[in-house]
Amino acid sequence: MDQSEQTKQIYGEMVKAASPPSTTAINCVKAFLVGGTICAIGQIIHNVLGSMGLAKDDVGLITAVILIVAATLLTALGLYCRLGNFACAGSIVPITGFANSITAPAIEFKKEGLIMGIGAKMFIIAGPVLVYGIATSVIVGLIYYFVR
């Protein structure tokens, strides 16, 4: 074995020893459990509101509002960040994650003022989602309008 191969082998062993073990499997399980729990809570809220005799559209709207308000409160209290650190993607996929992605920057940058802080920074993470979502809905709406 020549010197460069030996150096590569030693370097590879050093990298392997210094690299943390992969936690992909456990992260997937955590994401599934937390995301599923959030969705189950939403379904419970939906079922309770539905059993109260509300219209189906109203039930969906009120359920979404309750989940958004809950996520916003948890973000303001610093609890949603802990949940996100534990659950990884499981906490960002449901609607609560979107509420968190708007609330967290707004809270973080509030000291910079209403316009340059909250107004400018609150969409720093959610902005691209909104832009592409709105643009796609306009395109699909136009296609639907003209094809009909």
C-alpha atoms as a PDB file:
ATOM      1  CA  MET A   1       0.000   0.000   0.000  1.00  0.00           C
ATOM      2  CA  ASP A   2       1.515   3.340  -0.988  1.00  0.00           C
ATOM      3  CA  GLN A   3       1.593   6.455   1.172  1.00  0.00           C
ATOM      4  CA  SER A   4      -1.471   8.181  -0.372  1.00  0.00           C
ATOM      5  CA  GLU A   5      -3.689   5.109   0.077  1.00  0.00           C
ATOM      6  CA  GLN A   6      -2.511   4.737   3.651  1.00  0.00           C
ATOM      7  CA  THR A   7      -3.233   8.430   4.294  1.00  0.00           C
ATOM      8  CA  LYS A   8      -6.715   8.067   2.788  1.00  0.00           C
ATOM      9  CA  GLN A   9      -7.378   5.018   4.943  1.00  0.00           C
ATOM     10  CA  ILE A  10      -6.240   6.790   8.123  1.00  0.00           C
ATOM     11  CA  TYR A  11      -8.297   9.849   7.213  1.00  0.00           C
ATOM     12  CA  GLY A  12     -11.349   7.665   6.540  1.00  0.00           C
ATOM     13  CA  GLU A  13     -10.993   6.029   9.943  1.00  0.00           C
ATOM     14  CA  MET A  14     -10.665   9.442  11.623  1.00  0.00           C
ATOM     15  CA  VAL A  15     -13.796  10.710   9.863  1.00  0.00           C
ATOM     16  CA  LYS A  16     -15.720   7.592  10.834  1.00  0.00           C
ATOM     17  CA  ALA A  17     -14.645   7.939  14.478  1.00  0.00           C
ATOM     18  CA  ALA A  18     -15.533  11.662  14.604  1.00  0.00           C
ATOM     19  CA  SER A  19     -18.874  11.409  12.794  1.00  0.00           C
ATOM     20  CA  PRO A  20     -21.965  10.956  14.925  1.00  0.00           C
ATOM     21  CA  PRO A  21     -23.984   7.804  14.311  1.00  0.00           C
ATOM     22  CA  SER A  22     -26.946   8.119  11.963  1.00  0.00           C
ATOM     23  CA  THR A  23     -30.252   8.734  13.708  1.00  0.00           C
ATOM     24  CA  THR A  24     -32.423   8.693  10.609  1.00  0.00           C
ATOM     25  CA  ALA A  25     -34.559   5.738  11.702  1.00  0.00           C
ATOM     26  CA  ILE A  26     -35.329   7.107  15.161  1.00  0.00           C
ATOM     27  CA  ASN A  27     -35.971  10.573  13.695  1.00  0.00           C
ATOM     28  CA  CYS A  28     -38.496   9.062  11.283  1.00  0.00           C
ATOM     29  CA  VAL A  29     -40.282   7.328  14.146  1.00  0.00           C
ATOM     30  CA  LYS A  30     -40.351  10.561  16.209  1.00  0.00           C
ATOM     31  CA  ALA A  31     -41.630  12.549  13.217  1.00  0.00           C
ATOM     32  CA  PHE A  32     -44.338   9.978  12.555  1.00  0.00           C
ATOM     33  CA  LEU A  33     -45.485   9.897  16.174  1.00  0.00           C
ATOM     34  CA  VAL A  34     -45.513  13.661  16.736  1.00  0.00           C
ATOM     35  CA  GLY A  35     -46.996  14.519  13.323  1.00  0.00           C
ATOM     36  CA  GLY A  36     -49.583  11.788  13.780  1.00  0.00           C
ATOM     37  CA  THR A  37     -50.435  13.033  17.256  1.00  0.00           C
ATOM     38  CA  ILE A  38     -50.920  16.590  15.976  1.00  0.00           C
ATOM     39  CA  CYS A  39     -53.168  15.295  13.206  1.00  0.00           C
ATOM     40  CA  ALA A  40     -55.067  13.066  15.645  1.00  0.00           C
ATOM     41  CA  ILE A  41     -55.679  16.069  17.908  1.00  0.00           C
ATOM     42  CA  GLY A  42     -56.964  17.949  14.872  1.00  0.00           C
ATOM     43  CA  GLN A  43     -59.254  15.052  14.020  1.00  0.00           C
ATOM     44  CA  ILE A  44     -60.585  14.928  17.580  1.00  0.00           C
ATOM     45  CA  ILE A  45     -61.325  18.662  17.446  1.00  0.00           C
ATOM     46  CA  HIS A  46     -62.976  18.152  14.057  1.00  0.00           C
ATOM     47  CA  ASN A  47     -65.150  15.298  15.357  1.00  0.00           C
ATOM     48  CA  VAL A  48     -66.195  17.192  18.494  1.00  0.00           C
ATOM     49  CA  LEU A  49     -67.148  20.264  16.481  1.00  0.00           C
ATOM     50  CA  GLY A  50     -68.959  18.091  13.938  1.00  0.00           C
ATOM     51  CA  SER A  51     -70.973  16.422  16.673  1.00  0.00           C
ATOM     52  CA  MET A  52     -72.145  19.847  17.820  1.00  0.00           C
ATOM     53  CA  GLY A  53     -74.151  20.225  14.618  1.00  0.00           C
ATOM     54  CA  LEU A  54     -71.960  22.772  12.847  1.00  0.00           C
ATOM     55  CA  ALA A  55     -71.779  22.847   9.066  1.00  0.00           C
ATOM     56  CA  LYS A  56     -68.982  20.784   7.529  1.00  0.00           C
ATOM     57  CA  ASP A  57     -67.195  23.846   6.104  1.00  0.00           C
ATOM     58  CA  ASP A  58     -67.410  25.637   9.448  1.00  0.00           C
ATOM     59  CA  VAL A  59     -66.011  22.612  11.277  1.00  0.00           C
ATOM     60  CA  GLY A  60     -62.945  22.522   9.037  1.00  0.00           C
ATOM     61  CA  LEU A  61     -62.379  26.251   9.367  1.00  0.00           C
ATOM     62  CA  ILE A  62     -62.735  26.297  13.153  1.00  0.00           C
ATOM     63  CA  THR A  63     -60.470  23.251  13.494  1.00  0.00           C
ATOM     64  CA  ALA A  64     -57.757  24.970  11.452  1.00  0.00           C
ATOM     65  CA  VAL A  65     -58.080  28.169  13.484  1.00  0.00           C
ATOM     66  CA  ILE A  66     -57.832  26.261  16.782  1.00  0.00           C
ATOM     67  CA  LEU A  67     -54.690  24.436  15.622  1.00  0.00           C
ATOM     68  CA  ILE A  68     -53.106  27.665  14.357  1.00  0.00           C
ATOM     69  CA  VAL A  69     -53.850  29.525  17.598  1.00  0.00           C
ATOM     70  CA  ALA A  70     -52.518  26.615  19.664  1.00  0.00           C
ATOM     71  CA  ALA A  71     -49.292  26.470  17.626  1.00  0.00           C
ATOM     72  CA  THR A  72     -48.880  30.246  17.891  1.00  0.00           C
ATOM     73  CA  LEU A  73     -49.291  30.131  21.667  1.00  0.00           C
ATOM     74  CA  LEU A  74     -46.874  27.213  21.975  1.00  0.00           C
ATOM     75  CA  THR A  75     -44.371  29.115  19.812  1.00  0.00           C
ATOM     76  CA  ALA A  76     -44.721  32.239  21.951  1.00  0.00           C
ATOM     77  CA  LEU A  77     -44.105  30.161  25.082  1.00  0.00           C
ATOM     78  CA  GLY A  78     -41.039  28.530  23.506  1.00  0.00           C
ATOM     79  CA  LEU A  79     -42.560  25.052  23.607  1.00  0.00           C
ATOM     80  CA  TYR A  80     -43.047  24.492  19.876  1.00  0.00           C
ATOM     81  CA  CYS A  81     -39.309  24.923  19.302  1.00  0.00           C
ATOM     82  CA  ARG A  82     -38.639  22.127  21.789  1.00  0.00           C
ATOM     83  CA  LEU A  83     -41.203  19.968  20.030  1.00  0.00           C
ATOM     84  CA  GLY A  84     -39.518  20.718  16.708  1.00  0.00           C
ATOM     85  CA  ASN A  85     -36.100  19.804  18.069  1.00  0.00           C
ATOM     86  CA  PHE A  86     -37.494  16.489  19.274  1.00  0.00           C
ATOM     87  CA  ALA A  87     -39.764  15.613  16.358  1.00  0.00           C
ATOM     88  CA  CYS A  88     -37.834  17.051  13.411  1.00  0.00           C
ATOM     89  CA  ALA A  89     -40.123  17.140  10.362  1.00  0.00           C
ATOM     90  CA  GLY A  90     -43.076  15.746  12.297  1.00  0.00           C
ATOM     91  CA  SER A  91     -43.814  19.148  13.762  1.00  0.00           C
ATOM     92  CA  ILE A  92     -43.465  21.181  10.558  1.00  0.00           C
ATOM     93  CA  VAL A  93     -45.666  19.225   8.185  1.00  0.00           C
ATOM     94  CA  PRO A  94     -49.112  19.861   9.727  1.00  0.00           C
ATOM     95  CA  ILE A  95     -50.719  23.322   9.670  1.00  0.00           C
ATOM     96  CA  THR A  96     -49.210  23.967  13.088  1.00  0.00           C
ATOM     97  CA  GLY A  97     -45.745  23.982  11.554  1.00  0.00           C
ATOM     98  CA  PHE A  98     -46.786  26.678   9.112  1.00  0.00           C
ATOM     99  CA  ALA A  99     -48.145  28.781  11.979  1.00  0.00           C
ATOM    100  CA  ASN A 100     -44.851  28.292  13.796  1.00  0.00           C
ATOM    101  CA  SER A 101     -42.841  29.318  10.719  1.00  0.00           C
ATOM    102  CA  ILE A 102     -44.636  32.671  10.652  1.00  0.00           C
ATOM    103  CA  THR A 103     -44.813  33.289  14.402  1.00  0.00           C
ATOM    104  CA  ALA A 104     -41.211  32.430  15.340  1.00  0.00           C
ATOM    105  CA  PRO A 105     -39.525  35.038  13.095  1.00  0.00           C
ATOM    106  CA  ALA A 106     -42.106  37.649  14.085  1.00  0.00           C
ATOM    107  CA  ILE A 107     -41.268  37.095  17.752  1.00  0.00           C
ATOM    108  CA  GLU A 108     -37.532  36.980  17.083  1.00  0.00           C
ATOM    109  CA  PHE A 109     -37.436  40.244  15.132  1.00  0.00           C
ATOM    110  CA  LYS A 110     -40.056  42.244  17.073  1.00  0.00           C
ATOM    111  CA  LYS A 111     -37.311  44.331  18.688  1.00  0.00           C
ATOM    112  CA  GLU A 112     -36.521  45.767  15.242  1.00  0.00           C
ATOM    113  CA  GLY A 113     -39.965  47.371  15.095  1.00  0.00           C
ATOM    114  CA  LEU A 114     -43.334  46.721  13.524  1.00  0.00           C
ATOM    115  CA  ILE A 115     -42.347  47.419   9.905  1.00  0.00           C
ATOM    116  CA  MET A 116     -38.693  46.384   9.583  1.00  0.00           C
ATOM    117  CA  GLY A 117     -38.929  43.695  12.250  1.00  0.00           C
ATOM    118  CA  ILE A 118     -42.241  41.907  12.380  1.00  0.00           C
ATOM    119  CA  GLY A 119     -43.580  43.042   9.006  1.00  0.00           C
ATOM    120  CA  ALA A 120     -40.431  42.302   7.033  1.00  0.00           C
ATOM    121  CA  LYS A 121     -39.177  39.183   8.778  1.00  0.00           C
ATOM    122  CA  MET A 122     -42.295  37.213   9.674  1.00  0.00           C
ATOM    123  CA  PHE A 123     -42.527  35.724   6.188  1.00  0.00           C
ATOM    124  CA  ILE A 124     -38.831  34.954   5.903  1.00  0.00           C
ATOM    125  CA  ILE A 125     -39.463  31.200   6.122  1.00  0.00           C
ATOM    126  CA  ALA A 126     -43.087  30.967   5.009  1.00  0.00           C
ATOM    127  CA  GLY A 127     -42.773  33.534   2.233  1.00  0.00           C
ATOM    128  CA  PRO A 128     -41.660  31.172  -0.528  1.00  0.00           C
ATOM    129  CA  VAL A 129     -44.425  28.740   0.399  1.00  0.00           C
ATOM    130  CA  LEU A 130     -47.001  31.515   0.138  1.00  0.00           C
ATOM    131  CA  VAL A 131     -45.603  32.913  -3.119  1.00  0.00           C
ATOM    132  CA  TYR A 132     -45.480  29.568  -4.898  1.00  0.00           C
ATOM    133  CA  GLY A 133     -48.771  28.426  -3.394  1.00  0.00           C
ATOM    134  CA  ILE A 134     -50.591  31.576  -4.488  1.00  0.00           C
ATOM    135  CA  ALA A 135     -48.959  31.551  -7.927  1.00  0.00           C
ATOM    136  CA  THR A 136     -49.890  27.906  -8.449  1.00  0.00           C
ATOM    137  CA  SER A 137     -53.477  28.515  -7.339  1.00  0.00           C
ATOM    138  CA  VAL A 138     -53.775  31.430  -9.781  1.00  0.00           C
ATOM    139  CA  ILE A 139     -52.425  29.313 -12.648  1.00  0.00           C
ATOM    140  CA  VAL A 140     -54.689  26.380 -11.799  1.00  0.00           C
ATOM    141  CA  GLY A 141     -57.642  28.751 -11.410  1.00  0.00           C
ATOM    142  CA  LEU A 142     -57.003  30.293 -14.826  1.00  0.00           C
ATOM    143  CA  ILE A 143     -56.670  26.868 -16.432  1.00  0.00           C
ATOM    144  CA  TYR A 144     -59.887  25.744 -14.767  1.00  0.00           C
ATOM    145  CA  TYR A 145     -61.667  28.947 -15.851  1.00  0.00           C
ATOM    146  CA  PHE A 146     -60.638  28.714 -19.500  1.00  0.00           C
ATOM    147  CA  VAL A 147     -60.989  24.919 -19.877  1.00  0.00           C
ATOM    148  CA  ARG A 148     -64.473  24.828 -18.386  1.00  0.00           C
END
